Amino acid sequence: MIEWIVILLIVAAIASLLGFRGVAGASASIAKILIFIVLIGILLLLFFGVIVFA
């Protein structure tokens, strides 16, 4: 999933340089959503990992 985030951020950067505001905004917002999903997943894994080892 982190690969998708990097790809979408690269697409957003290139699109913004070329002047495609809609594509840049859409890919950046999708990347932002994926970043939040990954962070929540990591936090849940850490939380439940601590509970299992406690």
Protein backbone atom coordinates (compact mmCIF):
# COMPACT_ATOMS: atom_id res chain seq x y z
CA MET A 1 0.00 0.00 0.00
CA ILE A 2 2.94 2.29 0.62
CA GLU A 3 3.92 1.81 -3.03
CA TRP A 4 0.50 3.15 -4.08
CA ILE A 5 1.01 6.19 -1.85
CA VAL A 6 4.37 6.97 -3.43
CA ILE A 7 3.00 6.47 -6.96
CA LEU A 8 0.02 8.75 -6.28
CA LEU A 9 2.23 11.45 -4.79
CA ILE A 10 4.52 11.32 -7.83
CA VAL A 11 1.50 11.55 -10.15
CA ALA A 12 0.21 14.52 -8.14
CA ALA A 13 3.58 16.28 -8.36
CA ILE A 14 3.92 15.75 -12.11
CA ALA A 15 0.31 16.73 -12.75
CA SER A 16 0.68 19.92 -10.74
CA LEU A 17 3.85 20.83 -12.64
CA LEU A 18 2.04 20.34 -15.94
CA GLY A 19 -0.98 22.35 -14.78
CA PHE A 20 -3.53 19.57 -14.35
CA ARG A 21 -5.07 20.79 -11.10
CA GLY A 22 -7.93 18.29 -11.00
CA VAL A 23 -5.72 15.25 -11.44
CA ALA A 24 -3.20 16.58 -8.96
CA GLY A 25 -5.83 17.27 -6.32
CA ALA A 26 -7.55 13.93 -6.77
CA SER A 27 -4.37 11.88 -6.58
CA ALA A 28 -3.09 13.85 -3.60
CA SER A 29 -6.36 13.36 -1.72
CA ILE A 30 -6.38 9.62 -2.45
CA ALA A 31 -2.78 9.43 -1.24
CA LYS A 32 -3.75 11.30 1.92
CA ILE A 33 -6.57 8.84 2.61
CA LEU A 34 -4.22 5.90 2.09
CA ILE A 35 -1.67 7.44 4.45
CA PHE A 36 -4.31 7.69 7.18
CA ILE A 37 -5.37 4.07 6.58
CA VAL A 38 -1.76 2.89 6.87
CA LEU A 39 -1.18 4.92 10.04
CA ILE A 40 -4.34 3.57 11.66
CA GLY A 41 -3.31 0.04 10.73
CA ILE A 42 0.15 0.51 12.22
CA LEU A 43 -1.31 1.97 15.42
CA LEU A 44 -3.76 -0.92 15.74
CA LEU A 45 -0.99 -3.46 15.20
CA LEU A 46 1.14 -1.77 17.86
CA PHE A 47 -1.78 -1.54 20.29
CA PHE A 48 -2.87 -5.16 19.92
CA GLY A 49 0.74 -6.33 19.89
CA VAL A 50 1.28 -4.67 23.26
CA ILE A 51 -1.90 -6.29 24.61
CA VAL A 52 -0.79 -9.74 23.41
CA PHE A 53 2.67 -9.45 24.96
CA ALA A 54 1.39 -7.94 28.23
